[in-house]
């Protein structure tokens, strides 16, 4: 499994695990990141928001 595929898998598993306890619309990015980091995955997220 490539690193890209592994990252997608870890994110998907984290979201699925979180959904066992709460609905998808209540899950935050912070919840997902905390779950991913607990699984030992290191990553960098760059978020750019353009406001007009």
Protein backbone atom coordinates (compact mmCIF):
# COMPACT_ATOMS: atom_id res chain seq x y z
CA UNK A 1 0.00 0.00 0.00
CA UNK A 2 1.45 3.38 -0.97
CA UNK A 3 1.81 6.15 1.60
CA UNK A 4 -1.01 8.09 -0.09
CA UNK A 5 -3.36 5.09 0.12
CA UNK A 6 -2.36 4.44 3.72
CA UNK A 7 -3.15 8.05 4.67
CA UNK A 8 -6.57 7.85 3.01
CA UNK A 9 -7.24 4.56 4.83
CA UNK A 10 -6.29 6.01 8.23
CA UNK A 11 -8.51 9.06 7.70
CA UNK A 12 -11.45 6.91 6.57
CA UNK A 13 -11.03 4.53 9.51
CA UNK A 14 -10.85 7.45 11.93
CA UNK A 15 -14.07 8.95 10.59
CA UNK A 16 -15.79 5.56 10.70
CA UNK A 17 -14.69 5.04 14.31
CA UNK A 18 -15.93 8.49 15.30
CA UNK A 19 -19.29 7.85 13.61
CA UNK A 20 -19.83 4.90 15.95
CA UNK A 21 -20.35 7.44 18.75
CA UNK A 22 -21.72 10.55 17.02
CA UNK A 23 -23.36 11.64 13.80
CA UNK A 24 -21.23 12.82 10.90
CA UNK A 25 -22.49 16.41 11.11
CA UNK A 26 -21.21 16.61 14.72
CA UNK A 27 -17.68 15.41 13.90
CA UNK A 28 -15.13 18.22 13.68
CA UNK A 29 -11.81 18.41 11.87
CA UNK A 30 -10.19 18.54 15.31
CA UNK A 31 -11.86 15.24 16.25
CA UNK A 32 -10.53 13.59 13.09
CA UNK A 33 -7.00 14.95 13.52
CA UNK A 34 -6.83 13.82 17.15
CA UNK A 35 -7.98 10.33 16.15
CA UNK A 36 -5.45 10.12 13.30
CA UNK A 37 -2.58 11.27 15.52
CA UNK A 38 -3.54 8.65 18.16
CA UNK A 39 -3.10 6.03 15.43
CA UNK A 40 0.49 7.19 14.96
CA UNK A 41 0.07 8.79 11.55
CA UNK A 42 2.05 11.98 11.03
CA UNK A 43 0.87 14.42 8.45
CA UNK A 44 0.74 18.08 7.47
CA UNK A 45 -2.51 19.75 6.61
CA UNK A 46 -2.52 23.07 4.80
CA UNK A 47 -5.90 24.83 4.71
CA UNK A 48 -6.29 27.98 2.72
CA UNK A 49 -9.51 29.93 3.06
CA UNK A 50 -10.20 32.76 0.65
CA UNK A 51 -12.77 35.24 1.77
CA UNK A 52 -14.15 37.63 -0.79
